[in-house]
Amino acid sequence: MRYLLWLLKFALFVLILSFAVKNTDTVWVRYYLGYEWQAPLVLVLLVFFCLGAAVGIVASLAHLFRQRREIVALKRELRVQGRAGGGPPPVNPSDAA
């Protein structure tokens, strides 16, 4: 299994490398106010792919932090209920469905 995984990684590397070699033409990215950037196409694609991934990660961080705060609050509520001895017994997730 390990050799198959290494073979798959190598095949993916060769595929990406061949894509990079075939796309070395120079392109111009034009900005506002007359600014422009001249670079190989593969570099432009890589930069904008990385920027898109970074924006996606940053956009999901707010949701992730909100979920973590909610989990901490629910755990705290369960601890308080357990100490007081009152309230309904904890629900087993397999029984809930």
PDB file of N, CA and C in Angstrom:
ATOM      1  N   MET A   1       0.822  -1.187   0.000  1.00  0.00           N
ATOM      2  CA  MET A   1       0.000   0.000   0.000  1.00  0.00           C
ATOM      3  C   MET A   1       0.873   1.260   0.000  1.00  0.00           C
ATOM      4  N   ARG A   2       1.955   1.210   0.763  1.00  0.00           N
ATOM      5  CA  ARG A   2       2.849   2.354   0.843  1.00  0.00           C
ATOM      6  C   ARG A   2       3.478   2.650  -0.513  1.00  0.00           C
ATOM      7  N   TYR A   3       3.853   1.595  -1.249  1.00  0.00           N
ATOM      8  CA  TYR A   3       4.455   1.789  -2.568  1.00  0.00           C
ATOM      9  C   TYR A   3       3.440   2.345  -3.557  1.00  0.00           C
ATOM     10  N   LEU A   4       2.207   1.930  -3.438  1.00  0.00           N
ATOM     11  CA  LEU A   4       1.159   2.452  -4.304  1.00  0.00           C
ATOM     12  C   LEU A   4       0.943   3.944  -4.043  1.00  0.00           C
ATOM     13  N   LEU A   5       0.991   4.332  -2.786  1.00  0.00           N
ATOM     14  CA  LEU A   5       0.841   5.747  -2.444  1.00  0.00           C
ATOM     15  C   LEU A   5       2.008   6.568  -2.993  1.00  0.00           C
ATOM     16  N   TRP A   6       3.228   6.050  -2.870  1.00  0.00           N
ATOM     17  CA  TRP A   6       4.380   6.755  -3.427  1.00  0.00           C
ATOM     18  C   TRP A   6       4.285   6.849  -4.951  1.00  0.00           C
ATOM     19  N   LEU A   7       3.801   5.801  -5.597  1.00  0.00           N
ATOM     20  CA  LEU A   7       3.632   5.811  -7.048  1.00  0.00           C
ATOM     21  C   LEU A   7       2.594   6.859  -7.454  1.00  0.00           C
ATOM     22  N   LEU A   8       1.521   6.955  -6.704  1.00  0.00           N
ATOM     23  CA  LEU A   8       0.492   7.959  -6.980  1.00  0.00           C
ATOM     24  C   LEU A   8       1.037   9.375  -6.792  1.00  0.00           C
ATOM     25  N   LYS A   9       1.810   9.587  -5.727  1.00  0.00           N
ATOM     26  CA  LYS A   9       2.427  10.902  -5.508  1.00  0.00           C
ATOM     27  C   LYS A   9       3.386  11.266  -6.635  1.00  0.00           C
ATOM     28  N   PHE A  10       4.173  10.290  -7.085  1.00  0.00           N
ATOM     29  CA  PHE A  10       5.116  10.535  -8.173  1.00  0.00           C
ATOM     30  C   PHE A  10       4.374  10.862  -9.467  1.00  0.00           C
ATOM     31  N   ALA A  11       3.299  10.138  -9.748  1.00  0.00           N
ATOM     32  CA  ALA A  11       2.511  10.401 -10.956  1.00  0.00           C
ATOM     33  C   ALA A  11       1.891  11.796 -10.907  1.00  0.00           C
ATOM     34  N   LEU A  12       1.403  12.209  -9.753  1.00  0.00           N
ATOM     35  CA  LEU A  12       0.838  13.548  -9.601  1.00  0.00           C
ATOM     36  C   LEU A  12       1.917  14.616  -9.789  1.00  0.00           C
ATOM     37  N   PHE A  13       3.107  14.368  -9.236  1.00  0.00           N
ATOM     38  CA  PHE A  13       4.217  15.294  -9.402  1.00  0.00           C
ATOM     39  C   PHE A  13       4.590  15.440 -10.884  1.00  0.00           C
ATOM     40  N   VAL A  14       4.676  14.342 -11.600  1.00  0.00           N
ATOM     41  CA  VAL A  14       5.026  14.375 -13.027  1.00  0.00           C
ATOM     42  C   VAL A  14       3.947  15.114 -13.810  1.00  0.00           C
ATOM     43  N   LEU A  15       2.684  14.901 -13.465  1.00  0.00           N
ATOM     44  CA  LEU A  15       1.588  15.591 -14.136  1.00  0.00           C
ATOM     45  C   LEU A  15       1.674  17.099 -13.925  1.00  0.00           C
ATOM     46  N   ILE A  16       1.910  17.517 -12.696  1.00  0.00           N
ATOM     47  CA  ILE A  16       2.019  18.950 -12.396  1.00  0.00           C
ATOM     48  C   ILE A  16       3.271  19.546 -13.033  1.00  0.00           C
ATOM     49  N   LEU A  17       4.369  18.814 -13.003  1.00  0.00           N
ATOM     50  CA  LEU A  17       5.598  19.299 -13.628  1.00  0.00           C
ATOM     51  C   LEU A  17       5.423  19.464 -15.135  1.00  0.00           C
ATOM     52  N   SER A  18       4.778  18.505 -15.778  1.00  0.00           N
ATOM     53  CA  SER A  18       4.572  18.630 -17.225  1.00  0.00           C
ATOM     54  C   SER A  18       3.637  19.802 -17.541  1.00  0.00           C
ATOM     55  N   PHE A  19       2.648  20.062 -16.683  1.00  0.00           N
ATOM     56  CA  PHE A  19       1.778  21.225 -16.861  1.00  0.00           C
ATOM     57  C   PHE A  19       2.578  22.511 -16.756  1.00  0.00           C
ATOM     58  N   ALA A  20       3.487  22.566 -15.782  1.00  0.00           N
ATOM     59  CA  ALA A  20       4.313  23.770 -15.599  1.00  0.00           C
ATOM     60  C   ALA A  20       5.249  23.988 -16.780  1.00  0.00           C
ATOM     61  N   VAL A  21       5.816  22.917 -17.308  1.00  0.00           N
ATOM     62  CA  VAL A  21       6.749  23.042 -18.429  1.00  0.00           C
ATOM     63  C   VAL A  21       6.020  23.502 -19.690  1.00  0.00           C
ATOM     64  N   LYS A  22       4.780  23.045 -19.870  1.00  0.00           N
ATOM     65  CA  LYS A  22       4.025  23.408 -21.071  1.00  0.00           C
ATOM     66  C   LYS A  22       3.456  24.830 -21.004  1.00  0.00           C
ATOM     67  N   ASN A  23       3.397  25.445 -19.827  1.00  0.00           N
ATOM     68  CA  ASN A  23       2.771  26.753 -19.665  1.00  0.00           C
ATOM     69  C   ASN A  23       3.769  27.795 -19.173  1.00  0.00           C
ATOM     70  N   THR A  24       4.858  27.940 -19.891  1.00  0.00           N
ATOM     71  CA  THR A  24       5.873  28.913 -19.497  1.00  0.00           C
ATOM     72  C   THR A  24       5.759  30.217 -20.269  1.00  0.00           C
ATOM     73  N   ASP A  25       4.732  30.358 -21.095  1.00  0.00           N
ATOM     74  CA  ASP A  25       4.556  31.595 -21.855  1.00  0.00           C
ATOM     75  C   ASP A  25       4.358  32.770 -20.904  1.00  0.00           C
ATOM     76  N   THR A  26       4.858  33.916 -21.311  1.00  0.00           N
ATOM     77  CA  THR A  26       4.730  35.117 -20.493  1.00  0.00           C
ATOM     78  C   THR A  26       3.345  35.720 -20.689  1.00  0.00           C
ATOM     79  N   VAL A  27       2.722  36.091 -19.579  1.00  0.00           N
ATOM     80  CA  VAL A  27       1.408  36.740 -19.629  1.00  0.00           C
ATOM     81  C   VAL A  27       1.496  38.049 -18.862  1.00  0.00           C
ATOM     82  N   TRP A  28       0.572  38.940 -19.166  1.00  0.00           N
ATOM     83  CA  TRP A  28       0.499  40.220 -18.482  1.00  0.00           C
ATOM     84  C   TRP A  28      -0.794  40.254 -17.694  1.00  0.00           C
ATOM     85  N   VAL A  29      -0.688  40.578 -16.420  1.00  0.00           N
ATOM     86  CA  VAL A  29      -1.858  40.783 -15.578  1.00  0.00           C
ATOM     87  C   VAL A  29      -1.971  42.287 -15.387  1.00  0.00           C
ATOM     88  N   ARG A  30      -3.056  42.850 -15.894  1.00  0.00           N
ATOM     89  CA  ARG A  30      -3.220  44.312 -15.854  1.00  0.00           C
ATOM     90  C   ARG A  30      -4.113  44.701 -14.681  1.00  0.00           C
ATOM     91  N   TYR A  31      -3.621  45.661 -13.903  1.00  0.00           N
ATOM     92  CA  TYR A  31      -4.353  46.191 -12.765  1.00  0.00           C
ATOM     93  C   TYR A  31      -4.964  47.528 -13.148  1.00  0.00           C
ATOM     94  N   TYR A  32      -5.597  48.158 -12.184  1.00  0.00           N
ATOM     95  CA  TYR A  32      -6.139  49.494 -12.389  1.00  0.00           C
ATOM     96  C   TYR A  32      -5.009  50.521 -12.405  1.00  0.00           C
ATOM     97  N   LEU A  33      -5.275  51.662 -12.940  1.00  0.00           N
ATOM     98  CA  LEU A  33      -4.358  52.802 -12.988  1.00  0.00           C
ATOM     99  C   LEU A  33      -3.086  52.496 -13.784  1.00  0.00           C
ATOM    100  N   GLY A  34      -3.173  51.576 -14.727  1.00  0.00           N
ATOM    101  CA  GLY A  34      -2.051  51.312 -15.613  1.00  0.00           C
ATOM    102  C   GLY A  34      -0.983  50.385 -15.076  1.00  0.00           C
ATOM    103  N   TYR A  35      -1.168  49.832 -13.890  1.00  0.00           N
ATOM    104  CA  TYR A  35      -0.172  48.890 -13.363  1.00  0.00           C
ATOM    105  C   TYR A  35      -0.353  47.545 -14.049  1.00  0.00           C
ATOM    106  N   GLU A  36       0.758  46.877 -14.305  1.00  0.00           N
ATOM    107  CA  GLU A  36       0.683  45.537 -14.874  1.00  0.00           C
ATOM    108  C   GLU A  36       1.833  44.685 -14.357  1.00  0.00           C
ATOM    109  N   TRP A  37       1.593  43.391 -14.358  1.00  0.00           N
ATOM    110  CA  TRP A  37       2.565  42.429 -13.859  1.00  0.00           C
ATOM    111  C   TRP A  37       2.821  41.429 -14.971  1.00  0.00           C
ATOM    112  N   GLN A  38       4.076  41.186 -15.283  1.00  0.00           N
ATOM    113  CA  GLN A  38       4.454  40.272 -16.347  1.00  0.00           C
ATOM    114  C   GLN A  38       5.179  39.092 -15.709  1.00  0.00           C
ATOM    115  N   ALA A  39       4.650  37.873 -15.940  1.00  0.00           N
ATOM    116  CA  ALA A  39       5.234  36.674 -15.341  1.00  0.00           C
ATOM    117  C   ALA A  39       4.826  35.454 -16.170  1.00  0.00           C
ATOM    118  N   PRO A  40       5.494  34.316 -15.958  1.00  0.00           N
ATOM    119  CA  PRO A  40       5.083  33.086 -16.649  1.00  0.00           C
ATOM    120  C   PRO A  40       3.670  32.669 -16.201  1.00  0.00           C
ATOM    121  N   LEU A  41       2.932  32.080 -17.114  1.00  0.00           N
ATOM    122  CA  LEU A  41       1.553  31.698 -16.843  1.00  0.00           C
ATOM    123  C   LEU A  41       1.445  30.760 -15.646  1.00  0.00           C
ATOM    124  N   VAL A  42       2.349  29.811 -15.546  1.00  0.00           N
ATOM    125  CA  VAL A  42       2.269  28.852 -14.450  1.00  0.00           C
ATOM    126  C   VAL A  42       2.474  29.547 -13.107  1.00  0.00           C
ATOM    127  N   LEU A  43       3.316  30.568 -13.055  1.00  0.00           N
ATOM    128  CA  LEU A  43       3.523  31.305 -11.810  1.00  0.00           C
ATOM    129  C   LEU A  43       2.268  32.101 -11.441  1.00  0.00           C
ATOM    130  N   VAL A  44       1.640  32.713 -12.440  1.00  0.00           N
ATOM    131  CA  VAL A  44       0.409  33.465 -12.187  1.00  0.00           C
ATOM    132  C   VAL A  44      -0.681  32.528 -11.667  1.00  0.00           C
ATOM    133  N   LEU A  45      -0.805  31.349 -12.284  1.00  0.00           N
ATOM    134  CA  LEU A  45      -1.796  30.376 -11.831  1.00  0.00           C
ATOM    135  C   LEU A  45      -1.514  29.921 -10.400  1.00  0.00           C
ATOM    136  N   LEU A  46      -0.263  29.658 -10.093  1.00  0.00           N
ATOM    137  CA  LEU A  46       0.105  29.228  -8.750  1.00  0.00           C
ATOM    138  C   LEU A  46      -0.187  30.298  -7.709  1.00  0.00           C
ATOM    139  N   VAL A  47       0.151  31.544  -8.015  1.00  0.00           N
ATOM    140  CA  VAL A  47      -0.081  32.643  -7.072  1.00  0.00           C
ATOM    141  C   VAL A  47      -1.570  32.807  -6.796  1.00  0.00           C
ATOM    142  N   PHE A  48      -2.384  32.811  -7.849  1.00  0.00           N
ATOM    143  CA  PHE A  48      -3.811  33.016  -7.641  1.00  0.00           C
ATOM    144  C   PHE A  48      -4.485  31.796  -7.023  1.00  0.00           C
ATOM    145  N   PHE A  49      -3.977  30.594  -7.260  1.00  0.00           N
ATOM    146  CA  PHE A  49      -4.495  29.411  -6.580  1.00  0.00           C
ATOM    147  C   PHE A  49      -4.216  29.504  -5.084  1.00  0.00           C
ATOM    148  N   CYS A  50      -2.999  29.885  -4.723  1.00  0.00           N
ATOM    149  CA  CYS A  50      -2.643  30.017  -3.308  1.00  0.00           C
ATOM    150  C   CYS A  50      -3.443  31.123  -2.628  1.00  0.00           C
ATOM    151  N   LEU A  51      -3.631  32.238  -3.327  1.00  0.00           N
ATOM    152  CA  LEU A  51      -4.446  33.319  -2.769  1.00  0.00           C
ATOM    153  C   LEU A  51      -5.891  32.868  -2.549  1.00  0.00           C
ATOM    154  N   GLY A  52      -6.446  32.121  -3.485  1.00  0.00           N
ATOM    155  CA  GLY A  52      -7.810  31.619  -3.337  1.00  0.00           C
ATOM    156  C   GLY A  52      -7.934  30.653  -2.174  1.00  0.00           C
ATOM    157  N   ALA A  53      -6.941  29.776  -2.011  1.00  0.00           N
ATOM    158  CA  ALA A  53      -6.964  28.844  -0.881  1.00  0.00           C
ATOM    159  C   ALA A  53      -6.855  29.599   0.440  1.00  0.00           C
ATOM    160  N   ALA A  54      -6.009  30.623   0.491  1.00  0.00           N
ATOM    161  CA  ALA A  54      -5.858  31.415   1.715  1.00  0.00           C
ATOM    162  C   ALA A  54      -7.150  32.157   2.050  1.00  0.00           C
ATOM    163  N   VAL A  55      -7.810  32.729   1.049  1.00  0.00           N
ATOM    164  CA  VAL A  55      -9.075  33.430   1.288  1.00  0.00           C
ATOM    165  C   VAL A  55     -10.132  32.444   1.786  1.00  0.00           C
ATOM    166  N   GLY A  56     -10.169  31.253   1.233  1.00  0.00           N
ATOM    167  CA  GLY A  56     -11.116  30.234   1.687  1.00  0.00           C
ATOM    168  C   GLY A  56     -10.877  29.824   3.127  1.00  0.00           C
ATOM    169  N   ILE A  57      -9.626  29.669   3.507  1.00  0.00           N
ATOM    170  CA  ILE A  57      -9.301  29.294   4.887  1.00  0.00           C
ATOM    171  C   ILE A  57      -9.676  30.406   5.844  1.00  0.00           C
ATOM    172  N   VAL A  58      -9.346  31.632   5.501  1.00  0.00           N
ATOM    173  CA  VAL A  58      -9.685  32.778   6.364  1.00  0.00           C
ATOM    174  C   VAL A  58     -11.200  32.914   6.493  1.00  0.00           C
ATOM    175  N   ALA A  59     -11.929  32.677   5.403  1.00  0.00           N
ATOM    176  CA  ALA A  59     -13.384  32.790   5.451  1.00  0.00           C
ATOM    177  C   ALA A  59     -14.002  31.728   6.356  1.00  0.00           C
ATOM    178  N   SER A  60     -13.398  30.570   6.451  1.00  0.00           N
ATOM    179  CA  SER A  60     -13.956  29.511   7.281  1.00  0.00           C
ATOM    180  C   SER A  60     -13.542  29.633   8.751  1.00  0.00           C
ATOM    181  N   LEU A  61     -12.561  30.470   9.056  1.00  0.00           N
ATOM    182  CA  LEU A  61     -12.097  30.592  10.441  1.00  0.00           C
ATOM    183  C   LEU A  61     -13.173  31.148  11.370  1.00  0.00           C
ATOM    184  N   ALA A  62     -13.970  32.100  10.906  1.00  0.00           N
ATOM    185  CA  ALA A  62     -15.017  32.681  11.749  1.00  0.00           C
ATOM    186  C   ALA A  62     -16.009  31.603  12.161  1.00  0.00           C
ATOM    187  N   HIS A  63     -16.409  30.767  11.221  1.00  0.00           N
ATOM    188  CA  HIS A  63     -17.346  29.685  11.526  1.00  0.00           C
ATOM    189  C   HIS A  63     -16.719  28.680  12.496  1.00  0.00           C
ATOM    190  N   LEU A  64     -15.459  28.365  12.297  1.00  0.00           N
ATOM    191  CA  LEU A  64     -14.760  27.418  13.153  1.00  0.00           C
ATOM    192  C   LEU A  64     -14.664  27.936  14.589  1.00  0.00           C
ATOM    193  N   PHE A  65     -14.282  29.206  14.764  1.00  0.00           N
ATOM    194  CA  PHE A  65     -14.170  29.777  16.104  1.00  0.00           C
ATOM    195  C   PHE A  65     -15.530  29.846  16.785  1.00  0.00           C
ATOM    196  N   ARG A  66     -16.585  30.155  16.034  1.00  0.00           N
ATOM    197  CA  ARG A  66     -17.921  30.200  16.603  1.00  0.00           C
ATOM    198  C   ARG A  66     -18.334  28.812  17.100  1.00  0.00           C
ATOM    199  N   GLN A  67     -18.034  27.781  16.342  1.00  0.00           N
ATOM    200  CA  GLN A  67     -18.351  26.419  16.765  1.00  0.00           C
ATOM    201  C   GLN A  67     -17.570  26.030  18.012  1.00  0.00           C
ATOM    202  N   ARG A  68     -16.306  26.399  18.078  1.00  0.00           N
ATOM    203  CA  ARG A  68     -15.501  26.060  19.265  1.00  0.00           C
ATOM    204  C   ARG A  68     -16.032  26.741  20.514  1.00  0.00           C
ATOM    205  N   ARG A  69     -16.438  28.014  20.386  1.00  0.00           N
ATOM    206  CA  ARG A  69     -17.018  28.712  21.537  1.00  0.00           C
ATOM    207  C   ARG A  69     -18.305  28.036  21.985  1.00  0.00           C
ATOM    208  N   GLU A  70     -19.118  27.596  21.034  1.00  0.00           N
ATOM    209  CA  GLU A  70     -20.374  26.921  21.373  1.00  0.00           C
ATOM    210  C   GLU A  70     -20.105  25.588  22.054  1.00  0.00           C
ATOM    211  N   ILE A  71     -19.110  24.851  21.589  1.00  0.00           N
ATOM    212  CA  ILE A  71     -18.758  23.567  22.206  1.00  0.00           C
ATOM    213  C   ILE A  71     -18.294  23.773  23.637  1.00  0.00           C
ATOM    214  N   VAL A  72     -17.454  24.781  23.863  1.00  0.00           N
ATOM    215  CA  VAL A  72     -16.979  25.063  25.221  1.00  0.00           C
ATOM    216  C   VAL A  72     -18.147  25.431  26.127  1.00  0.00           C
ATOM    217  N   ALA A  73     -19.070  26.249  25.619  1.00  0.00           N
ATOM    218  CA  ALA A  73     -20.224  26.640  26.426  1.00  0.00           C
ATOM    219  C   ALA A  73     -21.103  25.438  26.742  1.00  0.00           C
ATOM    220  N   LEU A  74     -21.302  24.539  25.794  1.00  0.00           N
ATOM    221  CA  LEU A  74     -22.123  23.349  26.039  1.00  0.00           C
ATOM    222  C   LEU A  74     -21.452  22.399  27.018  1.00  0.00           C
ATOM    223  N   LYS A  75     -20.131  22.256  26.926  1.00  0.00           N
ATOM    224  CA  LYS A  75     -19.417  21.410  27.889  1.00  0.00           C
ATOM    225  C   LYS A  75     -19.521  21.990  29.291  1.00  0.00           C
ATOM    226  N   ARG A  76     -19.399  23.311  29.401  1.00  0.00           N
ATOM    227  CA  ARG A  76     -19.526  23.971  30.691  1.00  0.00           C
ATOM    228  C   ARG A  76     -20.933  23.743  31.256  1.00  0.00           C
ATOM    229  N   GLU A  77     -21.932  23.845  30.412  1.00  0.00           N
ATOM    230  CA  GLU A  77     -23.317  23.623  30.848  1.00  0.00           C
ATOM    231  C   GLU A  77     -23.514  22.191  31.323  1.00  0.00           C
ATOM    232  N   LEU A  78     -22.913  21.226  30.641  1.00  0.00           N
ATOM    233  CA  LEU A  78     -23.009  19.832  31.074  1.00  0.00           C
ATOM    234  C   LEU A  78     -22.324  19.618  32.418  1.00  0.00           C
ATOM    235  N   ARG A  79     -21.178  20.260  32.637  1.00  0.00           N
ATOM    236  CA  ARG A  79     -20.494  20.135  33.924  1.00  0.00           C
ATOM    237  C   ARG A  79     -21.336  20.705  35.048  1.00  0.00           C
ATOM    238  N   VAL A  80     -21.963  21.849  34.803  1.00  0.00           N
ATOM    239  CA  VAL A  80     -22.800  22.483  35.831  1.00  0.00           C
ATOM    240  C   VAL A  80     -23.993  21.593  36.143  1.00  0.00           C
ATOM    241  N   GLN A  81     -24.609  21.003  35.132  1.00  0.00           N
ATOM    242  CA  GLN A  81     -25.745  20.116  35.364  1.00  0.00           C
ATOM    243  C   GLN A  81     -25.311  18.862  36.113  1.00  0.00           C
ATOM    244  N   GLY A  82     -24.129  18.354  35.798  1.00  0.00           N
ATOM    245  CA  GLY A  82     -23.633  17.151  36.470  1.00  0.00           C
ATOM    246  C   GLY A  82     -23.353  17.403  37.939  1.00  0.00           C
ATOM    247  N   ARG A  83     -22.841  18.584  38.284  1.00  0.00           N
ATOM    248  CA  ARG A  83     -22.559  18.911  39.690  1.00  0.00           C
ATOM    249  C   ARG A  83     -23.832  19.121  40.473  1.00  0.00           C
ATOM    250  N   ALA A  84     -24.822  19.723  39.844  1.00  0.00           N
ATOM    251  CA  ALA A  84     -26.074  20.010  40.546  1.00  0.00           C
ATOM    252  C   ALA A  84     -26.879  18.736  40.737  1.00  0.00           C
ATOM    253  N   GLY A  85     -26.650  17.749  39.890  1.00  0.00           N
ATOM    254  CA  GLY A  85     -27.368  16.494  40.032  1.00  0.00           C
ATOM    255  C   GLY A  85     -28.782  16.568  39.483  1.00  0.00           C
ATOM    256  N   GLY A  86     -29.154  17.677  38.963  1.00  0.00           N
ATOM    257  CA  GLY A  86     -30.500  17.815  38.425  1.00  0.00           C
ATOM    258  C   GLY A  86     -30.490  17.748  36.925  1.00  0.00           C
ATOM    259  N   GLY A  87     -31.633  17.892  36.385  1.00  0.00           N
ATOM    260  CA  GLY A  87     -31.763  17.900  34.929  1.00  0.00           C
ATOM    261  C   GLY A  87     -31.872  16.500  34.374  1.00  0.00           C
ATOM    262  N   PRO A  88     -32.141  16.410  33.127  1.00  0.00           N
ATOM    263  CA  PRO A  88     -32.289  15.098  32.491  1.00  0.00           C
ATOM    264  C   PRO A  88     -30.964  14.368  32.402  1.00  0.00           C
ATOM    265  N   PRO A  89     -30.994  13.067  32.349  1.00  0.00           N
ATOM    266  CA  PRO A  89     -29.740  12.308  32.221  1.00  0.00           C
ATOM    267  C   PRO A  89     -29.137  12.572  30.845  1.00  0.00           C
ATOM    268  N   PRO A  90     -27.812  12.420  30.749  1.00  0.00           N
ATOM    269  CA  PRO A  90     -27.155  12.656  29.458  1.00  0.00           C
ATOM    270  C   PRO A  90     -27.682  11.690  28.408  1.00  0.00           C
ATOM    271  N   VAL A  91     -27.830  12.175  27.195  1.00  0.00           N
ATOM    272  CA  VAL A  91     -28.366  11.377  26.107  1.00  0.00           C
ATOM    273  C   VAL A  91     -27.204  10.716  25.370  1.00  0.00           C
ATOM    274  N   ASN A  92     -27.331   9.424  25.174  1.00  0.00           N
ATOM    275  CA  ASN A  92     -26.338   8.687  24.407  1.00  0.00           C
ATOM    276  C   ASN A  92     -26.598   8.973  22.933  1.00  0.00           C
ATOM    277  N   PRO A  93     -25.588   9.401  22.166  1.00  0.00           N
ATOM    278  CA  PRO A  93     -25.819   9.753  20.756  1.00  0.00           C
ATOM    279  C   PRO A  93     -26.414   8.609  19.944  1.00  0.00           C
ATOM    280  N   SER A  94     -26.098   7.363  20.268  1.00  0.00           N
ATOM    281  CA  SER A  94     -26.651   6.253  19.510  1.00  0.00           C
ATOM    282  C   SER A  94     -28.138   6.049  19.805  1.00  0.00           C
ATOM    283  N   ASP A  95     -28.610   6.490  20.989  1.00  0.00           N
ATOM    284  CA  ASP A  95     -30.028   6.374  21.334  1.00  0.00           C
ATOM    285  C   ASP A  95     -30.855   7.505  20.761  1.00  0.00           C
ATOM    286  N   ALA A  96     -30.219   8.614  20.406  1.00  0.00           N
ATOM    287  CA  ALA A  96     -30.944   9.787  19.937  1.00  0.00           C
ATOM    288  C   ALA A  96     -31.545   9.554  18.557  1.00  0.00           C
ATOM    289  N   ALA A  97     -30.927   8.738  17.750  1.00  0.00           N
ATOM    290  CA  ALA A  97     -31.429   8.511  16.388  1.00  0.00           C
ATOM    291  C   ALA A  97     -32.432   7.428  16.402  1.00  0.00           C
TER     292      ALA A  97
END
